[in-house]
Amino acid sequence: MMQNYQYVHNREKECYSQAILAFKVAYDLYRKVERKARWRRFVCCLLRRSFLLPDLASTLACGTSNNRASAGIQAVDLEQILGSENRSQDFDQAFHPLNEKNRERWMRIAKLCLTGQSLPAVDLIQVGQKYYVRDGHHRVSVMRALGYKYIDANVTVW
């Protein structure tokens, strides 16, 4: 009976240690991405360029069709995700978070990725060869920061 207790106790300590490690790695990664965002904002201001994500509404104003069709779940190259449907003020063009309000959710998603848990597919809108995020901005940001090449996405073609 005592051996069983020790096994359970050691397993709890191990899980607790992993959770602390995941939190520390997620926190350090968030701070690194935050510094990159500040640097990108500074450089863009010097060059008088926009650092915000392109907005889907401005793309559609250029005459893109409003026909919509679901393309289903696909693995999408993260480099092709270039804009947002409704959150262009919250992330820069590299999907670095711009506001401190994003930190808690960003870190929670990073911890899930770091501990090997699966995440739901993001919702993307495809316009030509570009993708815009409808839902899943934090997931895209975290996956880019962790060096992933692809992300599962539910794609709607416009």
C-alpha atoms as a PDB file:
ATOM      1  CA  MET A   1       0.000   0.000   0.000  1.00  0.00           C
ATOM      2  CA  MET A   2       2.821   2.408   0.857  1.00  0.00           C
ATOM      3  CA  GLN A   3       4.512   1.686  -2.473  1.00  0.00           C
ATOM      4  CA  ASN A   4       1.338   2.632  -4.333  1.00  0.00           C
ATOM      5  CA  TYR A   5       1.160   5.928  -2.439  1.00  0.00           C
ATOM      6  CA  GLN A   6       4.795   6.729  -3.258  1.00  0.00           C
ATOM      7  CA  TYR A   7       4.217   5.971  -6.941  1.00  0.00           C
ATOM      8  CA  VAL A   8       1.170   8.247  -7.060  1.00  0.00           C
ATOM      9  CA  HIS A   9       2.981  10.946  -5.077  1.00  0.00           C
ATOM     10  CA  ASN A  10       6.037  10.800  -7.370  1.00  0.00           C
ATOM     11  CA  ARG A  11       3.802  10.893 -10.444  1.00  0.00           C
ATOM     12  CA  GLU A  12       2.006  13.982  -9.098  1.00  0.00           C
ATOM     13  CA  LYS A  13       5.361  15.680  -8.455  1.00  0.00           C
ATOM     14  CA  GLU A  14       6.497  14.832 -11.985  1.00  0.00           C
ATOM     15  CA  CYS A  15       3.306  16.275 -13.529  1.00  0.00           C
ATOM     16  CA  TYR A  16       3.642  19.373 -11.368  1.00  0.00           C
ATOM     17  CA  SER A  17       7.276  19.815 -12.463  1.00  0.00           C
ATOM     18  CA  GLN A  18       6.296  19.471 -16.120  1.00  0.00           C
ATOM     19  CA  ALA A  19       3.552  22.072 -15.690  1.00  0.00           C
ATOM     20  CA  ILE A  20       6.010  24.511 -14.090  1.00  0.00           C
ATOM     21  CA  LEU A  21       8.541  23.917 -16.855  1.00  0.00           C
ATOM     22  CA  ALA A  22       5.876  24.442 -19.545  1.00  0.00           C
ATOM     23  CA  PHE A  23       4.797  27.677 -17.841  1.00  0.00           C
ATOM     24  CA  LYS A  24       8.384  28.969 -17.707  1.00  0.00           C
ATOM     25  CA  VAL A  25       9.080  28.096 -21.344  1.00  0.00           C
ATOM     26  CA  ALA A  26       5.765  29.675 -22.438  1.00  0.00           C
ATOM     27  CA  TYR A  27       6.485  32.812 -20.408  1.00  0.00           C
ATOM     28  CA  ASP A  28      10.018  33.148 -21.820  1.00  0.00           C
ATOM     29  CA  LEU A  29       8.730  32.579 -25.344  1.00  0.00           C
ATOM     30  CA  TYR A  30       6.013  35.203 -24.895  1.00  0.00           C
ATOM     31  CA  ARG A  31       8.554  37.760 -23.674  1.00  0.00           C
ATOM     32  CA  LYS A  32      10.816  36.997 -26.645  1.00  0.00           C
ATOM     33  CA  VAL A  33       7.934  37.442 -29.105  1.00  0.00           C
ATOM     34  CA  GLU A  34       6.862  40.615 -27.313  1.00  0.00           C
ATOM     35  CA  ARG A  35      10.375  42.087 -27.702  1.00  0.00           C
ATOM     36  CA  LYS A  36      10.341  41.224 -31.403  1.00  0.00           C
ATOM     37  CA  ALA A  37       6.987  42.981 -31.774  1.00  0.00           C
ATOM     38  CA  ARG A  38       8.314  46.136 -30.101  1.00  0.00           C
ATOM     39  CA  TRP A  39      11.396  46.098 -32.326  1.00  0.00           C
ATOM     40  CA  ARG A  40       9.313  45.568 -35.493  1.00  0.00           C
ATOM     41  CA  ARG A  41       6.987  48.404 -34.482  1.00  0.00           C
ATOM     42  CA  PHE A  42       9.972  50.724 -33.936  1.00  0.00           C
ATOM     43  CA  VAL A  43      11.557  49.866 -37.299  1.00  0.00           C
ATOM     44  CA  CYS A  44       8.238  50.218 -39.147  1.00  0.00           C
ATOM     45  CA  CYS A  45       7.656  53.610 -37.550  1.00  0.00           C
ATOM     46  CA  LEU A  46      11.112  54.752 -38.675  1.00  0.00           C
ATOM     47  CA  LEU A  47      10.407  53.531 -42.196  1.00  0.00           C
ATOM     48  CA  ARG A  48       6.843  54.899 -42.050  1.00  0.00           C
ATOM     49  CA  ARG A  49       5.305  51.527 -42.818  1.00  0.00           C
ATOM     50  CA  SER A  50       2.362  49.832 -41.214  1.00  0.00           C
ATOM     51  CA  PHE A  51       3.243  47.096 -38.752  1.00  0.00           C
ATOM     52  CA  LEU A  52      -0.343  45.875 -38.276  1.00  0.00           C
ATOM     53  CA  LEU A  53      -1.834  42.773 -39.876  1.00  0.00           C
ATOM     54  CA  PRO A  54      -3.563  43.454 -43.191  1.00  0.00           C
ATOM     55  CA  ASP A  55      -7.327  43.631 -42.775  1.00  0.00           C
ATOM     56  CA  LEU A  56      -9.636  41.420 -44.854  1.00  0.00           C
ATOM     57  CA  ALA A  57     -12.111  44.283 -45.369  1.00  0.00           C
ATOM     58  CA  SER A  58      -9.488  46.377 -47.190  1.00  0.00           C
ATOM     59  CA  THR A  59      -8.651  43.405 -49.423  1.00  0.00           C
ATOM     60  CA  LEU A  60     -12.307  42.838 -50.267  1.00  0.00           C
ATOM     61  CA  ALA A  61     -12.738  46.546 -51.047  1.00  0.00           C
ATOM     62  CA  CYS A  62     -10.319  46.010 -53.926  1.00  0.00           C
ATOM     63  CA  GLY A  63     -12.967  44.044 -55.836  1.00  0.00           C
ATOM     64  CA  THR A  64     -12.669  40.448 -54.660  1.00  0.00           C
ATOM     65  CA  SER A  65     -15.739  38.293 -55.215  1.00  0.00           C
ATOM     66  CA  ASN A  66     -18.069  37.539 -52.313  1.00  0.00           C
ATOM     67  CA  ASN A  67     -18.715  33.954 -53.475  1.00  0.00           C
ATOM     68  CA  ARG A  68     -17.919  31.621 -50.610  1.00  0.00           C
ATOM     69  CA  ALA A  69     -17.236  27.876 -50.538  1.00  0.00           C
ATOM     70  CA  SER A  70     -15.890  25.604 -47.828  1.00  0.00           C
ATOM     71  CA  ALA A  71     -12.625  23.851 -48.703  1.00  0.00           C
ATOM     72  CA  GLY A  72     -12.676  21.769 -45.498  1.00  0.00           C
ATOM     73  CA  ILE A  73      -9.820  20.984 -43.134  1.00  0.00           C
ATOM     74  CA  GLN A  74      -6.375  21.481 -44.667  1.00  0.00           C
ATOM     75  CA  ALA A  75      -2.777  21.811 -43.528  1.00  0.00           C
ATOM     76  CA  VAL A  76      -1.903  25.424 -44.366  1.00  0.00           C
ATOM     77  CA  ASP A  77       1.606  26.864 -44.550  1.00  0.00           C
ATOM     78  CA  LEU A  78       1.871  29.435 -41.743  1.00  0.00           C
ATOM     79  CA  GLU A  79       3.827  31.762 -44.051  1.00  0.00           C
ATOM     80  CA  GLN A  80       0.750  32.097 -46.285  1.00  0.00           C
ATOM     81  CA  ILE A  81      -1.403  33.415 -43.434  1.00  0.00           C
ATOM     82  CA  LEU A  82      -1.028  37.138 -43.961  1.00  0.00           C
ATOM     83  CA  GLY A  83      -3.953  38.919 -42.367  1.00  0.00           C
ATOM     84  CA  SER A  84      -7.009  38.984 -40.156  1.00  0.00           C
ATOM     85  CA  GLU A  85     -10.731  39.310 -40.608  1.00  0.00           C
ATOM     86  CA  ASN A  86     -11.274  41.323 -37.426  1.00  0.00           C
ATOM     87  CA  ARG A  87      -8.189  41.474 -35.140  1.00  0.00           C
ATOM     88  CA  SER A  88      -5.595  43.423 -37.111  1.00  0.00           C
ATOM     89  CA  GLN A  89      -4.987  45.788 -34.174  1.00  0.00           C
ATOM     90  CA  ASP A  90      -3.953  42.949 -31.830  1.00  0.00           C
ATOM     91  CA  PHE A  91      -1.075  41.404 -33.823  1.00  0.00           C
ATOM     92  CA  ASP A  92       1.705  42.673 -36.066  1.00  0.00           C
ATOM     93  CA  GLN A  93       2.405  41.347 -39.564  1.00  0.00           C
ATOM     94  CA  ALA A  94       4.460  38.462 -38.130  1.00  0.00           C
ATOM     95  CA  PHE A  95       1.605  37.579 -35.723  1.00  0.00           C
ATOM     96  CA  HIS A  96       3.478  38.884 -32.697  1.00  0.00           C
ATOM     97  CA  PRO A  97       0.976  40.000 -30.031  1.00  0.00           C
ATOM     98  CA  LEU A  98       0.848  43.786 -29.611  1.00  0.00           C
ATOM     99  CA  ASN A  99      -1.199  44.076 -26.419  1.00  0.00           C
ATOM    100  CA  GLU A 100      -0.570  42.810 -22.914  1.00  0.00           C
ATOM    101  CA  LYS A 101      -4.203  41.635 -22.868  1.00  0.00           C
ATOM    102  CA  ASN A 102      -3.149  38.823 -25.224  1.00  0.00           C
ATOM    103  CA  ARG A 103      -0.545  37.412 -22.818  1.00  0.00           C
ATOM    104  CA  GLU A 104      -2.670  35.094 -20.681  1.00  0.00           C
ATOM    105  CA  ARG A 105      -4.432  33.408 -23.599  1.00  0.00           C
ATOM    106  CA  TRP A 106      -1.206  33.271 -25.638  1.00  0.00           C
ATOM    107  CA  MET A 107       0.655  31.565 -22.792  1.00  0.00           C
ATOM    108  CA  ARG A 108      -2.200  29.111 -22.133  1.00  0.00           C
ATOM    109  CA  ILE A 109      -2.090  28.002 -25.783  1.00  0.00           C
ATOM    110  CA  ALA A 110       1.713  27.818 -25.719  1.00  0.00           C
ATOM    111  CA  LYS A 111       1.586  25.575 -22.635  1.00  0.00           C
ATOM    112  CA  LEU A 112      -0.880  23.268 -24.393  1.00  0.00           C
ATOM    113  CA  CYS A 113       1.445  23.007 -27.409  1.00  0.00           C
ATOM    114  CA  LEU A 114       4.512  22.468 -25.228  1.00  0.00           C
ATOM    115  CA  THR A 115       2.850  19.637 -23.327  1.00  0.00           C
ATOM    116  CA  GLY A 116       1.814  17.899 -26.559  1.00  0.00           C
ATOM    117  CA  GLN A 117      -1.912  18.531 -26.348  1.00  0.00           C
ATOM    118  CA  SER A 118      -3.820  18.960 -29.585  1.00  0.00           C
ATOM    119  CA  LEU A 119      -5.569  22.189 -30.491  1.00  0.00           C
ATOM    120  CA  PRO A 120      -8.662  22.665 -32.641  1.00  0.00           C
ATOM    121  CA  ALA A 121      -8.170  23.767 -36.242  1.00  0.00           C
ATOM    122  CA  VAL A 122      -8.129  27.504 -36.874  1.00  0.00           C
ATOM    123  CA  ASP A 123     -10.711  29.107 -39.197  1.00  0.00           C
ATOM    124  CA  LEU A 124      -9.156  30.763 -42.239  1.00  0.00           C
ATOM    125  CA  ILE A 125     -10.518  32.659 -45.222  1.00  0.00           C
ATOM    126  CA  GLN A 126      -8.636  32.134 -48.470  1.00  0.00           C
ATOM    127  CA  VAL A 127      -8.560  35.039 -50.919  1.00  0.00           C
ATOM    128  CA  GLY A 128      -6.406  34.131 -53.913  1.00  0.00           C
ATOM    129  CA  GLN A 129      -3.218  32.620 -52.484  1.00  0.00           C
ATOM    130  CA  LYS A 130      -3.480  34.523 -49.187  1.00  0.00           C
ATOM    131  CA  TYR A 131      -5.168  33.446 -45.971  1.00  0.00           C
ATOM    132  CA  TYR A 132      -6.862  35.619 -43.372  1.00  0.00           C
ATOM    133  CA  VAL A 133      -7.608  34.441 -39.841  1.00  0.00           C
ATOM    134  CA  ARG A 134     -11.237  34.387 -38.803  1.00  0.00           C
ATOM    135  CA  ASP A 135     -10.686  32.464 -35.561  1.00  0.00           C
ATOM    136  CA  GLY A 136      -7.406  31.262 -34.070  1.00  0.00           C
ATOM    137  CA  HIS A 137      -5.087  34.284 -34.032  1.00  0.00           C
ATOM    138  CA  HIS A 138      -3.372  33.176 -30.818  1.00  0.00           C
ATOM    139  CA  ARG A 139      -2.913  29.628 -32.151  1.00  0.00           C
ATOM    140  CA  VAL A 140      -1.303  30.978 -35.341  1.00  0.00           C
ATOM    141  CA  SER A 141       0.942  33.265 -33.278  1.00  0.00           C
ATOM    142  CA  VAL A 142       2.060  30.483 -30.924  1.00  0.00           C
ATOM    143  CA  MET A 143       2.650  27.975 -33.719  1.00  0.00           C
ATOM    144  CA  ARG A 144       4.816  30.508 -35.572  1.00  0.00           C
ATOM    145  CA  ALA A 145       6.772  31.304 -32.402  1.00  0.00           C
ATOM    146  CA  LEU A 146       7.388  27.598 -31.792  1.00  0.00           C
ATOM    147  CA  GLY A 147       8.711  27.167 -35.333  1.00  0.00           C
ATOM    148  CA  TYR A 148       5.901  25.078 -36.791  1.00  0.00           C
ATOM    149  CA  LYS A 149       5.635  25.136 -40.584  1.00  0.00           C
ATOM    150  CA  TYR A 150       1.963  24.130 -40.983  1.00  0.00           C
ATOM    151  CA  ILE A 151      -1.273  24.460 -39.050  1.00  0.00           C
ATOM    152  CA  ASP A 152      -4.558  22.596 -39.428  1.00  0.00           C
ATOM    153  CA  ALA A 153      -7.255  24.940 -40.658  1.00  0.00           C
ATOM    154  CA  ASN A 154     -10.888  24.922 -41.654  1.00  0.00           C
ATOM    155  CA  VAL A 155     -10.646  26.930 -44.883  1.00  0.00           C
ATOM    156  CA  THR A 156     -13.391  28.964 -46.544  1.00  0.00           C
ATOM    157  CA  VAL A 157     -12.566  30.192 -50.069  1.00  0.00           C
ATOM    158  CA  TRP A 158     -13.819  33.654 -51.012  1.00  0.00           C
END
